[in-house]
């Protein structure tokens, strides 16, 4: 079912896009310490839910930290900082389904930028609201693969309902084309997405 935020509101490409906050400055030692503290605090605010925690654990395993988003109502992924910027009120106000999908989406950006340097170069000088649909679609496709790898029970139909209609059709087409929705083996699911993206 659609994730709700003040009424039905599917996730849009801008609502959970992983834009590049390239203008953020370098970090001093004290600011690094502060960010470690902030990461720990935010991790503690995520709901105590097995599926949410699997995604948080995956982020930490990849060396991705969490920080408070400087953009109202936006979750952002910053590849140079290896950080997911969280809109903190969502941790208390949004449904578990919403948090699962948005975490998967941001982790999808992280995977896409790692495996597809062209997308990283493409977005380097863009504002978060200017990220092309192709980058958002790739993040959603990778995000769904991550859900399958972590054995998180979100069906393709449920997933698509949470995505903005303007890109949902393309996301579904790519997921079905890669057969991510049907593969049970985490390794096979990940490899299928990688090969299909390399061929596109």
Protein backbone atom coordinates (compact mmCIF):
# COMPACT_ATOMS: atom_id res chain seq x y z
CA UNK A 1 0.00 0.00 0.00
CA UNK A 2 1.21 3.56 -0.61
CA UNK A 3 3.32 5.14 2.07
CA UNK A 4 1.44 8.02 3.59
CA UNK A 5 2.66 11.42 4.64
CA UNK A 6 -0.20 13.78 5.39
CA UNK A 7 -2.41 11.59 3.23
CA UNK A 8 -1.53 9.22 0.36
CA UNK A 9 1.74 10.29 -1.24
CA UNK A 10 3.85 7.86 -3.23
CA UNK A 11 7.58 8.42 -3.02
CA UNK A 12 8.63 10.76 -5.78
CA UNK A 13 11.99 10.87 -7.43
CA UNK A 14 12.74 14.13 -5.64
CA UNK A 15 11.24 13.02 -2.30
CA UNK A 16 13.79 10.28 -1.88
CA UNK A 17 16.39 11.16 -4.45
CA UNK A 18 19.98 10.81 -3.40
CA UNK A 19 21.31 14.16 -4.57
CA UNK A 20 24.83 15.31 -4.25
CA UNK A 21 25.36 17.99 -1.64
CA UNK A 22 28.69 18.83 -3.22
CA UNK A 23 28.73 22.26 -1.60
CA UNK A 24 29.20 20.78 1.88
CA UNK A 25 32.64 21.71 3.13
CA UNK A 26 35.49 19.58 4.44
CA UNK A 27 35.43 18.33 8.00
CA UNK A 28 37.51 19.37 10.98
CA UNK A 29 38.46 16.86 13.66
CA UNK A 30 35.77 18.19 16.00
CA UNK A 31 33.12 17.99 13.28
CA UNK A 32 34.11 14.39 12.55
CA UNK A 33 33.63 13.54 16.21
CA UNK A 34 30.26 15.29 16.13
CA UNK A 35 29.24 13.26 13.07
CA UNK A 36 30.15 10.00 14.78
CA UNK A 37 27.96 11.03 17.71
CA UNK A 38 25.16 12.08 15.36
CA UNK A 39 25.37 8.79 13.46
CA UNK A 40 25.08 6.82 16.70
CA UNK A 41 22.15 8.96 17.85
CA UNK A 42 20.25 8.57 14.56
CA UNK A 43 20.83 4.81 14.41
CA UNK A 44 19.26 4.62 17.86
CA UNK A 45 16.17 6.45 16.59
CA UNK A 46 15.37 3.97 13.83
CA UNK A 47 12.45 1.69 14.79
CA UNK A 48 13.35 -1.59 16.45
CA UNK A 49 12.14 -3.60 13.48
CA UNK A 50 14.03 -6.54 12.02
CA UNK A 51 13.74 -5.33 8.41
CA UNK A 52 14.67 -1.73 9.12
CA UNK A 53 17.62 -2.96 11.17
CA UNK A 54 18.81 -5.21 8.34
CA UNK A 55 19.04 -2.15 6.10
CA UNK A 56 20.75 -0.04 8.77
CA UNK A 57 23.21 -2.88 9.34
CA UNK A 58 23.87 -3.11 5.59
CA UNK A 59 24.64 0.61 5.48
CA UNK A 60 27.08 0.33 8.37
CA UNK A 61 28.72 -2.74 6.82
CA UNK A 62 29.32 -0.68 3.68
CA UNK A 63 30.85 2.14 5.75
CA UNK A 64 27.87 4.42 5.15
CA UNK A 65 26.97 6.71 8.05
CA UNK A 66 23.82 8.66 8.86
CA UNK A 67 23.44 12.39 9.45
CA UNK A 68 20.57 14.85 9.72
CA UNK A 69 19.35 16.13 6.36
CA UNK A 70 19.84 19.86 5.75
CA UNK A 71 16.97 19.82 3.23
CA UNK A 72 13.44 19.76 4.60
CA UNK A 73 11.62 16.46 4.07
CA UNK A 74 14.44 15.02 1.97
CA UNK A 75 16.57 11.92 2.37
CA UNK A 76 19.82 12.34 0.48
CA UNK A 77 22.81 10.17 -0.31
CA UNK A 78 26.22 11.84 -0.61
CA UNK A 79 28.73 9.52 -2.32
CA UNK A 80 31.87 11.45 -1.42
CA UNK A 81 30.89 11.54 2.26
CA UNK A 82 29.45 8.00 2.08
CA UNK A 83 26.55 9.28 4.11
CA UNK A 84 22.77 9.07 4.06
CA UNK A 85 21.21 12.32 5.19
CA UNK A 86 18.01 11.48 7.07
CA UNK A 87 14.94 13.68 7.52
CA UNK A 88 14.74 12.93 11.22
CA UNK A 89 10.98 13.51 11.81
CA UNK A 90 10.28 10.62 9.43
CA UNK A 91 11.83 8.19 11.91
CA UNK A 92 8.96 8.83 14.31
CA UNK A 93 6.15 9.78 11.93
CA UNK A 94 6.47 7.52 8.91
CA UNK A 95 5.39 3.91 8.52
CA UNK A 96 7.81 0.99 8.64
CA UNK A 97 7.09 0.36 4.96
CA UNK A 98 8.15 3.87 4.10
CA UNK A 99 11.39 3.60 6.05
CA UNK A 100 12.22 0.24 4.47
CA UNK A 101 11.71 1.54 0.95
CA UNK A 102 13.52 4.83 1.42
CA UNK A 103 16.51 3.14 3.06
CA UNK A 104 16.63 0.61 0.23
CA UNK A 105 16.44 3.44 -2.28
CA UNK A 106 19.33 5.38 -0.73
CA UNK A 107 21.41 2.20 -0.52
CA UNK A 108 20.46 1.68 -4.16
CA UNK A 109 22.08 5.03 -4.95
CA UNK A 110 25.22 3.96 -3.10
CA UNK A 111 25.45 0.75 -5.12
CA UNK A 112 24.68 2.50 -8.39
CA UNK A 113 27.37 5.15 -7.91
CA UNK A 114 29.88 2.45 -6.97
CA UNK A 115 29.10 0.32 -10.00
CA UNK A 116 28.21 3.06 -12.48
CA UNK A 117 30.78 5.91 -12.41
CA UNK A 118 28.96 7.60 -15.30
CA UNK A 119 26.01 8.32 -13.00
CA UNK A 120 28.38 9.72 -10.41
CA UNK A 121 29.94 12.07 -12.96
CA UNK A 122 26.52 13.01 -14.31
CA UNK A 123 25.20 14.16 -10.95
CA UNK A 124 28.35 15.79 -9.57
CA UNK A 125 27.35 19.38 -10.34
CA UNK A 126 23.59 19.01 -10.06
CA UNK A 127 21.23 20.13 -7.33
CA UNK A 128 19.34 17.30 -5.64
CA UNK A 129 16.17 18.33 -7.47
CA UNK A 130 17.93 18.07 -10.84
CA UNK A 131 18.97 14.41 -10.60
CA UNK A 132 17.86 12.72 -13.86
CA UNK A 133 15.15 10.09 -13.83
CA UNK A 134 17.61 7.53 -15.14
CA UNK A 135 19.65 7.84 -11.93
CA UNK A 136 16.55 7.60 -9.75
CA UNK A 137 15.31 4.56 -11.65
CA UNK A 138 18.68 2.84 -11.22
CA UNK A 139 18.55 3.52 -7.48
CA UNK A 140 15.06 2.04 -7.19
CA UNK A 141 16.05 -1.05 -9.20
CA UNK A 142 19.15 -1.56 -7.07
CA UNK A 143 17.11 -0.88 -3.95
CA UNK A 144 14.69 -3.65 -4.81
CA UNK A 145 17.58 -6.04 -5.39
CA UNK A 146 18.92 -5.14 -1.95
CA UNK A 147 15.54 -5.94 -0.40
CA UNK A 148 15.67 -9.37 -2.05
CA UNK A 149 19.26 -9.94 -0.88
CA UNK A 150 18.28 -9.17 2.69
CA UNK A 151 15.14 -11.32 2.48
CA UNK A 152 12.88 -8.38 3.24
CA UNK A 153 9.30 -9.31 2.23
CA UNK A 154 8.27 -6.44 -0.02
CA UNK A 155 6.56 -7.56 -3.23
CA UNK A 156 7.12 -5.81 -6.53
CA UNK A 157 3.53 -4.53 -6.51
CA UNK A 158 3.96 -3.08 -3.01
CA UNK A 159 7.26 -1.49 -4.01
CA UNK A 160 5.91 0.09 -7.19
CA UNK A 161 2.97 1.63 -5.31
CA UNK A 162 5.46 3.65 -3.26
CA UNK A 163 7.14 5.21 -6.30
CA UNK A 164 6.11 8.31 -8.19
CA UNK A 165 3.95 7.33 -11.21
CA UNK A 166 6.23 9.27 -13.55
CA UNK A 167 8.99 6.70 -13.09
CA UNK A 168 7.16 3.72 -11.58
CA UNK A 169 6.44 2.12 -14.97
CA UNK A 170 10.10 2.23 -15.96
CA UNK A 171 11.20 0.88 -12.58
CA UNK A 172 8.79 -2.05 -12.91
CA UNK A 173 9.88 -2.73 -16.47
CA UNK A 174 13.54 -2.87 -15.51
CA UNK A 175 12.97 -5.01 -12.42
CA UNK A 176 10.85 -7.46 -14.38
CA UNK A 177 13.37 -7.42 -17.21
CA UNK A 178 16.18 -8.27 -14.82
CA UNK A 179 13.89 -10.84 -13.11
CA UNK A 180 14.95 -9.45 -9.73
CA UNK A 181 11.39 -9.94 -8.50
CA UNK A 182 11.56 -13.67 -9.15
CA UNK A 183 15.06 -14.62 -8.04
CA UNK A 184 15.45 -16.17 -4.62
CA UNK A 185 19.24 -16.33 -4.43
CA UNK A 186 20.69 -13.04 -3.11
CA UNK A 187 23.90 -13.52 -5.08
CA UNK A 188 22.06 -14.30 -8.30
CA UNK A 189 19.76 -11.31 -7.86
CA UNK A 190 22.67 -8.91 -7.42
CA UNK A 191 24.62 -10.39 -10.33
CA UNK A 192 21.58 -10.20 -12.62
CA UNK A 193 21.13 -6.48 -11.96
CA UNK A 194 24.84 -5.78 -12.48
CA UNK A 195 24.95 -7.62 -15.80
CA UNK A 196 21.78 -5.99 -17.08
CA UNK A 197 23.03 -2.51 -16.16
CA UNK A 198 26.38 -3.17 -17.82
CA UNK A 199 24.59 -4.17 -21.01
CA UNK A 200 22.30 -1.11 -21.04
